[in-house]
PDB file of N, CA and C in Angstrom:
ATOM      1  N   MET A   1       0.835  -1.176   0.000  1.00  0.00           N
ATOM      2  CA  MET A   1       0.000   0.000   0.000  1.00  0.00           C
ATOM      3  C   MET A   1       0.881   1.240   0.000  1.00  0.00           C
ATOM      4  N   ASN A   2       0.680   2.115  -0.935  1.00  0.00           N
ATOM      5  CA  ASN A   2       1.428   3.364  -1.015  1.00  0.00           C
ATOM      6  C   ASN A   2       0.739   4.436  -0.198  1.00  0.00           C
ATOM      7  N   SER A   3       1.533   5.139   0.585  1.00  0.00           N
ATOM      8  CA  SER A   3       1.025   6.253   1.370  1.00  0.00           C
ATOM      9  C   SER A   3       1.619   7.536   0.832  1.00  0.00           C
ATOM     10  N   THR A   4       0.915   8.609   1.010  1.00  0.00           N
ATOM     11  CA  THR A   4       1.439   9.901   0.598  1.00  0.00           C
ATOM     12  C   THR A   4       1.365  10.872   1.756  1.00  0.00           C
ATOM     13  N   VAL A   5       2.219  11.857   1.695  1.00  0.00           N
ATOM     14  CA  VAL A   5       2.236  12.927   2.684  1.00  0.00           C
ATOM     15  C   VAL A   5       2.239  14.225   1.919  1.00  0.00           C
ATOM     16  N   THR A   6       1.432  15.137   2.349  1.00  0.00           N
ATOM     17  CA  THR A   6       1.383  16.442   1.700  1.00  0.00           C
ATOM     18  C   THR A   6       1.975  17.474   2.643  1.00  0.00           C
ATOM     19  N   ILE A   7       2.954  18.219   2.116  1.00  0.00           N
ATOM     20  CA  ILE A   7       3.554  19.296   2.893  1.00  0.00           C
ATOM     21  C   ILE A   7       3.563  20.556   2.045  1.00  0.00           C
ATOM     22  N   SER A   8       3.758  21.659   2.712  1.00  0.00           N
ATOM     23  CA  SER A   8       3.779  22.923   1.977  1.00  0.00           C
ATOM     24  C   SER A   8       5.061  23.020   1.155  1.00  0.00           C
ATOM     25  N   LYS A   9       5.031  23.879   0.156  1.00  0.00           N
ATOM     26  CA  LYS A   9       6.223  24.098  -0.666  1.00  0.00           C
ATOM     27  C   LYS A   9       7.358  24.631   0.196  1.00  0.00           C
ATOM     28  N   ALA A  10       7.047  25.483   1.170  1.00  0.00           N
ATOM     29  CA  ALA A  10       8.077  26.028   2.062  1.00  0.00           C
ATOM     30  C   ALA A  10       8.748  24.912   2.870  1.00  0.00           C
ATOM     31  N   GLU A  11       7.958  23.969   3.378  1.00  0.00           N
ATOM     32  CA  GLU A  11       8.524  22.842   4.120  1.00  0.00           C
ATOM     33  C   GLU A  11       9.377  21.974   3.202  1.00  0.00           C
ATOM     34  N   TYR A  12       8.901  21.740   1.998  1.00  0.00           N
ATOM     35  CA  TYR A  12       9.656  20.963   1.020  1.00  0.00           C
ATOM     36  C   TYR A  12      10.999  21.632   0.715  1.00  0.00           C
ATOM     37  N   GLU A  13      10.971  22.932   0.463  1.00  0.00           N
ATOM     38  CA  GLU A  13      12.200  23.667   0.152  1.00  0.00           C
ATOM     39  C   GLU A  13      13.165  23.639   1.334  1.00  0.00           C
ATOM     40  N   ALA A  14      12.643  23.754   2.554  1.00  0.00           N
ATOM     41  CA  ALA A  14      13.496  23.703   3.747  1.00  0.00           C
ATOM     42  C   ALA A  14      14.151  22.330   3.885  1.00  0.00           C
ATOM     43  N   MET A  15      13.393  21.269   3.649  1.00  0.00           N
ATOM     44  CA  MET A  15      13.950  19.919   3.715  1.00  0.00           C
ATOM     45  C   MET A  15      15.000  19.710   2.633  1.00  0.00           C
ATOM     46  N   LYS A  16      14.706  20.186   1.451  1.00  0.00           N
ATOM     47  CA  LYS A  16      15.646  20.059   0.341  1.00  0.00           C
ATOM     48  C   LYS A  16      16.955  20.789   0.675  1.00  0.00           C
ATOM     49  N   GLN A  17      16.854  21.986   1.273  1.00  0.00           N
ATOM     50  CA  GLN A  17      18.044  22.751   1.645  1.00  0.00           C
ATOM     51  C   GLN A  17      18.848  22.026   2.723  1.00  0.00           C
ATOM     52  N   GLN A  18      18.180  21.407   3.679  1.00  0.00           N
ATOM     53  CA  GLN A  18      18.879  20.649   4.713  1.00  0.00           C
ATOM     54  C   GLN A  18      19.652  19.481   4.115  1.00  0.00           C
ATOM     55  N   ILE A  19      19.063  18.809   3.162  1.00  0.00           N
ATOM     56  CA  ILE A  19      19.745  17.694   2.495  1.00  0.00           C
ATOM     57  C   ILE A  19      20.972  18.207   1.752  1.00  0.00           C
ATOM     58  N   GLU A  20      20.838  19.300   1.043  1.00  0.00           N
ATOM     59  CA  GLU A  20      21.969  19.880   0.318  1.00  0.00           C
ATOM     60  C   GLU A  20      23.062  20.315   1.288  1.00  0.00           C
ATOM     61  N   ASP A  21      22.689  20.927   2.406  1.00  0.00           N
ATOM     62  CA  ASP A  21      23.673  21.340   3.415  1.00  0.00           C
ATOM     63  C   ASP A  21      24.417  20.125   3.962  1.00  0.00           C
ATOM     64  N   PHE A  22      23.683  19.070   4.242  1.00  0.00           N
ATOM     65  CA  PHE A  22      24.286  17.848   4.747  1.00  0.00           C
ATOM     66  C   PHE A  22      25.285  17.282   3.742  1.00  0.00           C
ATOM     67  N   GLU A  23      24.891  17.241   2.491  1.00  0.00           N
ATOM     68  CA  GLU A  23      25.788  16.726   1.454  1.00  0.00           C
ATOM     69  C   GLU A  23      27.030  17.595   1.325  1.00  0.00           C
ATOM     70  N   ASP A  24      26.883  18.904   1.470  1.00  0.00           N
ATOM     71  CA  ASP A  24      28.035  19.814   1.423  1.00  0.00           C
ATOM     72  C   ASP A  24      28.986  19.561   2.582  1.00  0.00           C
ATOM     73  N   VAL A  25      28.436  19.371   3.775  1.00  0.00           N
ATOM     74  CA  VAL A  25      29.259  19.094   4.954  1.00  0.00           C
ATOM     75  C   VAL A  25      30.017  17.788   4.765  1.00  0.00           C
ATOM     76  N   GLN A  26      29.341  16.765   4.294  1.00  0.00           N
ATOM     77  CA  GLN A  26      29.973  15.466   4.072  1.00  0.00           C
ATOM     78  C   GLN A  26      31.094  15.574   3.031  1.00  0.00           C
ATOM     79  N   ALA A  27      30.843  16.288   1.958  1.00  0.00           N
ATOM     80  CA  ALA A  27      31.857  16.445   0.910  1.00  0.00           C
ATOM     81  C   ALA A  27      33.061  17.211   1.438  1.00  0.00           C
ATOM     82  N   ALA A  28      32.811  18.254   2.213  1.00  0.00           N
ATOM     83  CA  ALA A  28      33.917  19.043   2.765  1.00  0.00           C
ATOM     84  C   ALA A  28      34.752  18.214   3.731  1.00  0.00           C
ATOM     85  N   MET A  29      34.096  17.441   4.588  1.00  0.00           N
ATOM     86  CA  MET A  29      34.829  16.589   5.531  1.00  0.00           C
ATOM     87  C   MET A  29      35.656  15.546   4.788  1.00  0.00           C
ATOM     88  N   ALA A  30      35.078  14.922   3.789  1.00  0.00           N
ATOM     89  CA  ALA A  30      35.792  13.895   3.034  1.00  0.00           C
ATOM     90  C   ALA A  30      36.972  14.496   2.286  1.00  0.00           C
ATOM     91  N   ALA A  31      36.787  15.672   1.716  1.00  0.00           N
ATOM     92  CA  ALA A  31      37.869  16.315   0.969  1.00  0.00           C
ATOM     93  C   ALA A  31      39.004  16.723   1.892  1.00  0.00           C
ATOM     94  N   LYS A  32      38.668  17.200   3.065  1.00  0.00           N
ATOM     95  CA  LYS A  32      39.688  17.697   3.984  1.00  0.00           C
ATOM     96  C   LYS A  32      40.402  16.569   4.717  1.00  0.00           C
ATOM     97  N   THR A  33      39.679  15.543   5.100  1.00  0.00           N
ATOM     98  CA  THR A  33      40.264  14.526   5.976  1.00  0.00           C
ATOM     99  C   THR A  33      40.295  13.130   5.387  1.00  0.00           C
ATOM    100  N   GLY A  34      39.533  12.893   4.346  1.00  0.00           N
ATOM    101  CA  GLY A  34      39.423  11.538   3.826  1.00  0.00           C
ATOM    102  C   GLY A  34      38.458  10.693   4.639  1.00  0.00           C
ATOM    103  N   CYS A  35      37.851  11.290   5.665  1.00  0.00           N
ATOM    104  CA  CYS A  35      36.929  10.587   6.541  1.00  0.00           C
ATOM    105  C   CYS A  35      35.638  11.381   6.636  1.00  0.00           C
ATOM    106  N   THR A  36      34.558  10.700   6.887  1.00  0.00           N
ATOM    107  CA  THR A  36      33.297  11.409   7.044  1.00  0.00           C
ATOM    108  C   THR A  36      32.624  11.019   8.353  1.00  0.00           C
ATOM    109  N   LEU A  37      31.838  11.938   8.848  1.00  0.00           N
ATOM    110  CA  LEU A  37      31.037  11.735  10.041  1.00  0.00           C
ATOM    111  C   LEU A  37      29.569  11.845   9.661  1.00  0.00           C
ATOM    112  N   PRO A  38      28.700  11.198  10.402  1.00  0.00           N
ATOM    113  CA  PRO A  38      27.282  11.437  10.175  1.00  0.00           C
ATOM    114  C   PRO A  38      26.956  12.916  10.422  1.00  0.00           C
ATOM    115  N   HIS A  39      25.900  13.375   9.821  1.00  0.00           N
ATOM    116  CA  HIS A  39      25.540  14.791   9.854  1.00  0.00           C
ATOM    117  C   HIS A  39      25.587  15.404  11.251  1.00  0.00           C
ATOM    118  N   ASP A  40      24.920  14.783  12.209  1.00  0.00           N
ATOM    119  CA  ASP A  40      24.852  15.364  13.554  1.00  0.00           C
ATOM    120  C   ASP A  40      26.246  15.561  14.153  1.00  0.00           C
ATOM    121  N   PHE A  41      27.127  14.620  13.922  1.00  0.00           N
ATOM    122  CA  PHE A  41      28.482  14.722  14.457  1.00  0.00           C
ATOM    123  C   PHE A  41      29.298  15.756  13.683  1.00  0.00           C
ATOM    124  N   ALA A  42      29.133  15.783  12.373  1.00  0.00           N
ATOM    125  CA  ALA A  42      29.851  16.760  11.556  1.00  0.00           C
ATOM    126  C   ALA A  42      29.465  18.182  11.942  1.00  0.00           C
ATOM    127  N   VAL A  43      28.199  18.402  12.191  1.00  0.00           N
ATOM    128  CA  VAL A  43      27.734  19.733  12.596  1.00  0.00           C
ATOM    129  C   VAL A  43      28.379  20.140  13.914  1.00  0.00           C
ATOM    130  N   ARG A  44      28.536  19.207  14.814  1.00  0.00           N
ATOM    131  CA  ARG A  44      29.185  19.520  16.098  1.00  0.00           C
ATOM    132  C   ARG A  44      30.611  20.030  15.881  1.00  0.00           C
ATOM    133  N   VAL A  45      31.340  19.388  14.977  1.00  0.00           N
ATOM    134  CA  VAL A  45      32.704  19.846  14.679  1.00  0.00           C
ATOM    135  C   VAL A  45      32.667  21.225  14.029  1.00  0.00           C
ATOM    136  N   ILE A  46      31.771  21.399  13.076  1.00  0.00           N
ATOM    137  CA  ILE A  46      31.655  22.684  12.381  1.00  0.00           C
ATOM    138  C   ILE A  46      31.314  23.800  13.357  1.00  0.00           C
ATOM    139  N   GLU A  47      30.511  23.480  14.358  1.00  0.00           N
ATOM    140  CA  GLU A  47      30.110  24.491  15.339  1.00  0.00           C
ATOM    141  C   GLU A  47      31.161  24.726  16.411  1.00  0.00           C
ATOM    142  N   GLY A  48      32.298  24.041  16.317  1.00  0.00           N
ATOM    143  CA  GLY A  48      33.420  24.357  17.196  1.00  0.00           C
ATOM    144  C   GLY A  48      33.766  23.364  18.278  1.00  0.00           C
ATOM    145  N   GLU A  49      33.062  22.232  18.339  1.00  0.00           N
ATOM    146  CA  GLU A  49      33.441  21.233  19.338  1.00  0.00           C
ATOM    147  C   GLU A  49      34.798  20.641  18.982  1.00  0.00           C
ATOM    148  N   ILE A  50      35.502  20.174  19.984  1.00  0.00           N
ATOM    149  CA  ILE A  50      36.819  19.563  19.799  1.00  0.00           C
ATOM    150  C   ILE A  50      36.623  18.255  19.028  1.00  0.00           C
ATOM    151  N   PRO A  51      37.245  18.121  17.845  1.00  0.00           N
ATOM    152  CA  PRO A  51      37.019  16.937  17.014  1.00  0.00           C
ATOM    153  C   PRO A  51      37.324  15.601  17.684  1.00  0.00           C
ATOM    154  N   ILE A  52      38.351  15.556  18.518  1.00  0.00           N
ATOM    155  CA  ILE A  52      38.699  14.273  19.141  1.00  0.00           C
ATOM    156  C   ILE A  52      37.539  13.740  19.976  1.00  0.00           C
ATOM    157  N   ARG A  53      36.861  14.624  20.668  1.00  0.00           N
ATOM    158  CA  ARG A  53      35.719  14.205  21.493  1.00  0.00           C
ATOM    159  C   ARG A  53      34.552  13.751  20.606  1.00  0.00           C
ATOM    160  N   VAL A  54      34.289  14.508  19.558  1.00  0.00           N
ATOM    161  CA  VAL A  54      33.190  14.150  18.652  1.00  0.00           C
ATOM    162  C   VAL A  54      33.447  12.783  18.029  1.00  0.00           C
ATOM    163  N   TRP A  55      34.656  12.546  17.536  1.00  0.00           N
ATOM    164  CA  TRP A  55      34.994  11.244  16.934  1.00  0.00           C
ATOM    165  C   TRP A  55      34.904  10.131  17.969  1.00  0.00           C
ATOM    166  N   ARG A  56      35.385  10.389  19.189  1.00  0.00           N
ATOM    167  CA  ARG A  56      35.332   9.361  20.226  1.00  0.00           C
ATOM    168  C   ARG A  56      33.886   8.980  20.540  1.00  0.00           C
ATOM    169  N   GLU A  57      33.036   9.998  20.666  1.00  0.00           N
ATOM    170  CA  GLU A  57      31.636   9.718  20.956  1.00  0.00           C
ATOM    171  C   GLU A  57      30.953   9.022  19.773  1.00  0.00           C
ATOM    172  N   TYR A  58      31.296   9.418  18.564  1.00  0.00           N
ATOM    173  CA  TYR A  58      30.747   8.761  17.373  1.00  0.00           C
ATOM    174  C   TYR A  58      31.115   7.276  17.348  1.00  0.00           C
ATOM    175  N   ARG A  59      32.344   6.971  17.687  1.00  0.00           N
ATOM    176  CA  ARG A  59      32.799   5.570  17.678  1.00  0.00           C
ATOM    177  C   ARG A  59      32.339   4.798  18.912  1.00  0.00           C
ATOM    178  N   GLY A  60      31.778   5.510  19.907  1.00  0.00           N
ATOM    179  CA  GLY A  60      31.282   4.840  21.107  1.00  0.00           C
ATOM    180  C   GLY A  60      32.383   4.344  22.020  1.00  0.00           C
ATOM    181  N   ILE A  61      33.490   5.069  22.039  1.00  0.00           N
ATOM    182  CA  ILE A  61      34.636   4.686  22.860  1.00  0.00           C
ATOM    183  C   ILE A  61      34.694   5.593  24.085  1.00  0.00           C
ATOM    184  N   LYS A  62      34.892   5.009  25.236  1.00  0.00           N
ATOM    185  CA  LYS A  62      35.019   5.789  26.471  1.00  0.00           C
ATOM    186  C   LYS A  62      36.382   6.477  26.489  1.00  0.00           C
ATOM    187  N   ALA A  63      36.421   7.628  27.144  1.00  0.00           N
ATOM    188  CA  ALA A  63      37.675   8.391  27.233  1.00  0.00           C
ATOM    189  C   ALA A  63      38.775   7.557  27.891  1.00  0.00           C
ATOM    190  N   VAL A  64      38.431   6.793  28.892  1.00  0.00           N
ATOM    191  CA  VAL A  64      39.432   5.975  29.585  1.00  0.00           C
ATOM    192  C   VAL A  64      39.999   4.911  28.646  1.00  0.00           C
ATOM    193  N   ASP A  65      39.166   4.360  27.776  1.00  0.00           N
ATOM    194  CA  ASP A  65      39.649   3.348  26.828  1.00  0.00           C
ATOM    195  C   ASP A  65      40.541   3.979  25.761  1.00  0.00           C
ATOM    196  N   LEU A  66      40.174   5.172  25.315  1.00  0.00           N
ATOM    197  CA  LEU A  66      41.028   5.881  24.363  1.00  0.00           C
ATOM    198  C   LEU A  66      42.366   6.194  25.003  1.00  0.00           C
ATOM    199  N   ALA A  67      42.337   6.614  26.254  1.00  0.00           N
ATOM    200  CA  ALA A  67      43.568   6.927  26.981  1.00  0.00           C
ATOM    201  C   ALA A  67      44.477   5.694  27.072  1.00  0.00           C
ATOM    202  N   LYS A  68      43.897   4.550  27.403  1.00  0.00           N
ATOM    203  CA  LYS A  68      44.681   3.315  27.495  1.00  0.00           C
ATOM    204  C   LYS A  68      45.321   2.982  26.158  1.00  0.00           C
ATOM    205  N   HIS A  69      44.550   3.084  25.087  1.00  0.00           N
ATOM    206  CA  HIS A  69      45.073   2.766  23.759  1.00  0.00           C
ATOM    207  C   HIS A  69      46.214   3.716  23.376  1.00  0.00           C
ATOM    208  N   ALA A  70      46.093   4.969  23.763  1.00  0.00           N
ATOM    209  CA  ALA A  70      47.089   5.972  23.388  1.00  0.00           C
ATOM    210  C   ALA A  70      48.250   6.041  24.376  1.00  0.00           C
ATOM    211  N   GLY A  71      48.156   5.313  25.474  1.00  0.00           N
ATOM    212  CA  GLY A  71      49.233   5.316  26.458  1.00  0.00           C
ATOM    213  C   GLY A  71      49.326   6.604  27.255  1.00  0.00           C
ATOM    214  N   VAL A  72      48.182   7.223  27.501  1.00  0.00           N
ATOM    215  CA  VAL A  72      48.143   8.458  28.291  1.00  0.00           C
ATOM    216  C   VAL A  72      47.090   8.290  29.379  1.00  0.00           C
ATOM    217  N   SER A  73      47.024   9.271  30.263  1.00  0.00           N
ATOM    218  CA  SER A  73      46.019   9.211  31.319  1.00  0.00           C
ATOM    219  C   SER A  73      44.671   9.707  30.811  1.00  0.00           C
ATOM    220  N   ALA A  74      43.614   9.277  31.484  1.00  0.00           N
ATOM    221  CA  ALA A  74      42.270   9.756  31.145  1.00  0.00           C
ATOM    222  C   ALA A  74      42.179  11.260  31.377  1.00  0.00           C
ATOM    223  N   ALA A  75      42.901  11.752  32.364  1.00  0.00           N
ATOM    224  CA  ALA A  75      42.911  13.196  32.643  1.00  0.00           C
ATOM    225  C   ALA A  75      43.502  13.963  31.461  1.00  0.00           C
ATOM    226  N   TYR A  76      44.531  13.407  30.839  1.00  0.00           N
ATOM    227  CA  TYR A  76      45.153  14.045  29.670  1.00  0.00           C
ATOM    228  C   TYR A  76      44.154  14.124  28.512  1.00  0.00           C
ATOM    229  N   VAL A  77      43.424  13.044  28.278  1.00  0.00           N
ATOM    230  CA  VAL A  77      42.404  13.041  27.227  1.00  0.00           C
ATOM    231  C   VAL A  77      41.350  14.094  27.536  1.00  0.00           C
ATOM    232  N   SER A  78      40.931  14.166  28.781  1.00  0.00           N
ATOM    233  CA  SER A  78      39.929  15.153  29.188  1.00  0.00           C
ATOM    234  C   SER A  78      40.420  16.577  28.942  1.00  0.00           C
ATOM    235  N   GLU A  79      41.677  16.845  29.262  1.00  0.00           N
ATOM    236  CA  GLU A  79      42.230  18.189  29.045  1.00  0.00           C
ATOM    237  C   GLU A  79      42.244  18.546  27.551  1.00  0.00           C
ATOM    238  N   ILE A  80      42.563  17.583  26.713  1.00  0.00           N
ATOM    239  CA  ILE A  80      42.550  17.816  25.263  1.00  0.00           C
ATOM    240  C   ILE A  80      41.112  18.063  24.798  1.00  0.00           C
ATOM    241  N   GLU A  81      40.197  17.220  25.249  1.00  0.00           N
ATOM    242  CA  GLU A  81      38.808  17.343  24.827  1.00  0.00           C
ATOM    243  C   GLU A  81      38.140  18.636  25.304  1.00  0.00           C
ATOM    244  N   HIS A  82      38.667  19.229  26.346  1.00  0.00           N
ATOM    245  CA  HIS A  82      38.114  20.484  26.859  1.00  0.00           C
ATOM    246  C   HIS A  82      38.938  21.696  26.425  1.00  0.00           C
ATOM    247  N   GLY A  83      39.909  21.474  25.532  1.00  0.00           N
ATOM    248  CA  GLY A  83      40.688  22.578  24.990  1.00  0.00           C
ATOM    249  C   GLY A  83      41.716  23.152  25.930  1.00  0.00           C
ATOM    250  N   LYS A  84      42.059  22.435  26.993  1.00  0.00           N
ATOM    251  CA  LYS A  84      43.035  22.930  27.966  1.00  0.00           C
ATOM    252  C   LYS A  84      44.474  22.602  27.569  1.00  0.00           C
ATOM    253  N   LYS A  85      44.645  21.552  26.765  1.00  0.00           N
ATOM    254  CA  LYS A  85      45.966  21.152  26.261  1.00  0.00           C
ATOM    255  C   LYS A  85      45.825  20.845  24.777  1.00  0.00           C
ATOM    256  N   PRO A  86      46.882  21.107  24.006  1.00  0.00           N
ATOM    257  CA  PRO A  86      46.804  20.822  22.572  1.00  0.00           C
ATOM    258  C   PRO A  86      46.963  19.338  22.246  1.00  0.00           C
ATOM    259  N   GLY A  87      47.655  18.583  23.064  1.00  0.00           N
ATOM    260  CA  GLY A  87      47.908  17.170  22.784  1.00  0.00           C
ATOM    261  C   GLY A  87      49.131  16.997  21.901  1.00  0.00           C
ATOM    262  N   SER A  88      49.824  15.908  22.101  1.00  0.00           N
ATOM    263  CA  SER A  88      51.032  15.628  21.330  1.00  0.00           C
ATOM    264  C   SER A  88      50.676  14.935  20.027  1.00  0.00           C
ATOM    265  N   ILE A  89      51.570  15.011  19.077  1.00  0.00           N
ATOM    266  CA  ILE A  89      51.351  14.330  17.799  1.00  0.00           C
ATOM    267  C   ILE A  89      51.296  12.816  18.014  1.00  0.00           C
ATOM    268  N   GLU A  90      52.063  12.316  18.976  1.00  0.00           N
ATOM    269  CA  GLU A  90      52.031  10.884  19.271  1.00  0.00           C
ATOM    270  C   GLU A  90      50.641  10.477  19.761  1.00  0.00           C
ATOM    271  N   PHE A  91      50.050  11.324  20.592  1.00  0.00           N
ATOM    272  CA  PHE A  91      48.697  11.036  21.063  1.00  0.00           C
ATOM    273  C   PHE A  91      47.726  10.994  19.895  1.00  0.00           C
ATOM    274  N   TYR A  92      47.798  11.998  19.014  1.00  0.00           N
ATOM    275  CA  TYR A  92      46.869  12.050  17.891  1.00  0.00           C
ATOM    276  C   TYR A  92      47.052  10.878  16.929  1.00  0.00           C
ATOM    277  N   LYS A  93      48.271  10.431  16.752  1.00  0.00           N
ATOM    278  CA  LYS A  93      48.499   9.262  15.898  1.00  0.00           C
ATOM    279  C   LYS A  93      47.837   8.028  16.491  1.00  0.00           C
ATOM    280  N   ALA A  94      48.035   7.818  17.802  1.00  0.00           N
ATOM    281  CA  ALA A  94      47.427   6.662  18.469  1.00  0.00           C
ATOM    282  C   ALA A  94      45.908   6.787  18.502  1.00  0.00           C
ATOM    283  N   ALA A  95      45.416   7.984  18.745  1.00  0.00           N
ATOM    284  CA  ALA A  95      43.969   8.201  18.793  1.00  0.00           C
ATOM    285  C   ALA A  95      43.341   7.957  17.424  1.00  0.00           C
ATOM    286  N   ALA A  96      44.004   8.391  16.371  1.00  0.00           N
ATOM    287  CA  ALA A  96      43.477   8.187  15.018  1.00  0.00           C
ATOM    288  C   ALA A  96      43.331   6.704  14.713  1.00  0.00           C
ATOM    289  N   ILE A  97      44.280   5.907  15.143  1.00  0.00           N
ATOM    290  CA  ILE A  97      44.195   4.461  14.946  1.00  0.00           C
ATOM    291  C   ILE A  97      43.021   3.899  15.743  1.00  0.00           C
ATOM    292  N   ALA A  98      42.921   4.306  16.999  1.00  0.00           N
ATOM    293  CA  ALA A  98      41.852   3.803  17.862  1.00  0.00           C
ATOM    294  C   ALA A  98      40.470   4.203  17.352  1.00  0.00           C
ATOM    295  N   LEU A  99      40.383   5.388  16.745  1.00  0.00           N
ATOM    296  CA  LEU A  99      39.096   5.910  16.286  1.00  0.00           C
ATOM    297  C   LEU A  99      38.838   5.629  14.809  1.00  0.00           C
ATOM    298  N   ASP A 100      39.759   4.912  14.183  1.00  0.00           N
ATOM    299  CA  ASP A 100      39.629   4.544  12.772  1.00  0.00           C
ATOM    300  C   ASP A 100      39.361   5.766  11.901  1.00  0.00           C
ATOM    301  N   THR A 101      40.224   6.755  12.049  1.00  0.00           N
ATOM    302  CA  THR A 101      40.138   7.975  11.248  1.00  0.00           C
ATOM    303  C   THR A 101      41.547   8.480  11.005  1.00  0.00           C
ATOM    304  N   SER A 102      41.660   9.646  10.429  1.00  0.00           N
ATOM    305  CA  SER A 102      42.979  10.230  10.170  1.00  0.00           C
ATOM    306  C   SER A 102      43.336  11.242  11.247  1.00  0.00           C
ATOM    307  N   VAL A 103      44.615  11.503  11.390  1.00  0.00           N
ATOM    308  CA  VAL A 103      45.060  12.558  12.297  1.00  0.00           C
ATOM    309  C   VAL A 103      44.443  13.891  11.861  1.00  0.00           C
ATOM    310  N   ASP A 104      44.403  14.132  10.574  1.00  0.00           N
ATOM    311  CA  ASP A 104      43.818  15.379  10.066  1.00  0.00           C
ATOM    312  C   ASP A 104      42.378  15.554  10.539  1.00  0.00           C
ATOM    313  N   ALA A 105      41.613  14.477  10.566  1.00  0.00           N
ATOM    314  CA  ALA A 105      40.211  14.585  10.991  1.00  0.00           C
ATOM    315  C   ALA A 105      40.103  14.991  12.460  1.00  0.00           C
ATOM    316  N   LEU A 106      41.112  14.642  13.223  1.00  0.00           N
ATOM    317  CA  LEU A 106      41.105  14.982  14.658  1.00  0.00           C
ATOM    318  C   LEU A 106      41.618  16.386  14.915  1.00  0.00           C
ATOM    319  N   LEU A 107      42.247  16.979  13.907  1.00  0.00           N
ATOM    320  CA  LEU A 107      42.849  18.313  14.078  1.00  0.00           C
ATOM    321  C   LEU A 107      42.141  19.380  13.258  1.00  0.00           C
ATOM    322  N   VAL A 108      40.966  19.053  12.714  1.00  0.00           N
ATOM    323  CA  VAL A 108      40.236  20.014  11.868  1.00  0.00           C
ATOM    324  C   VAL A 108      39.984  21.285  12.635  1.00  0.00           C
TER     325      VAL A 108
END
């Protein structure tokens, strides 16, 4: 059985624009990092959240587990995720492996 939904032209245009915006965000992320995030996560990065935290939450990894994989303390990960420390390149390399992404994606 086929169902239909009727919406106003304004609602249709708004939905169409959201889809185009999403596709633009995905293309920009892929071009810059070689990796993509789902829309909600990509928007968080675009709006200024620390990428390492967004990627960690996207992958469903706890900060303590990321810290163990990277050979650092959970407090160190927390400081990076809250913008208090920049983090070492060694940390970002290990984190990129753990999060199955590129270092560039974590440093956007």
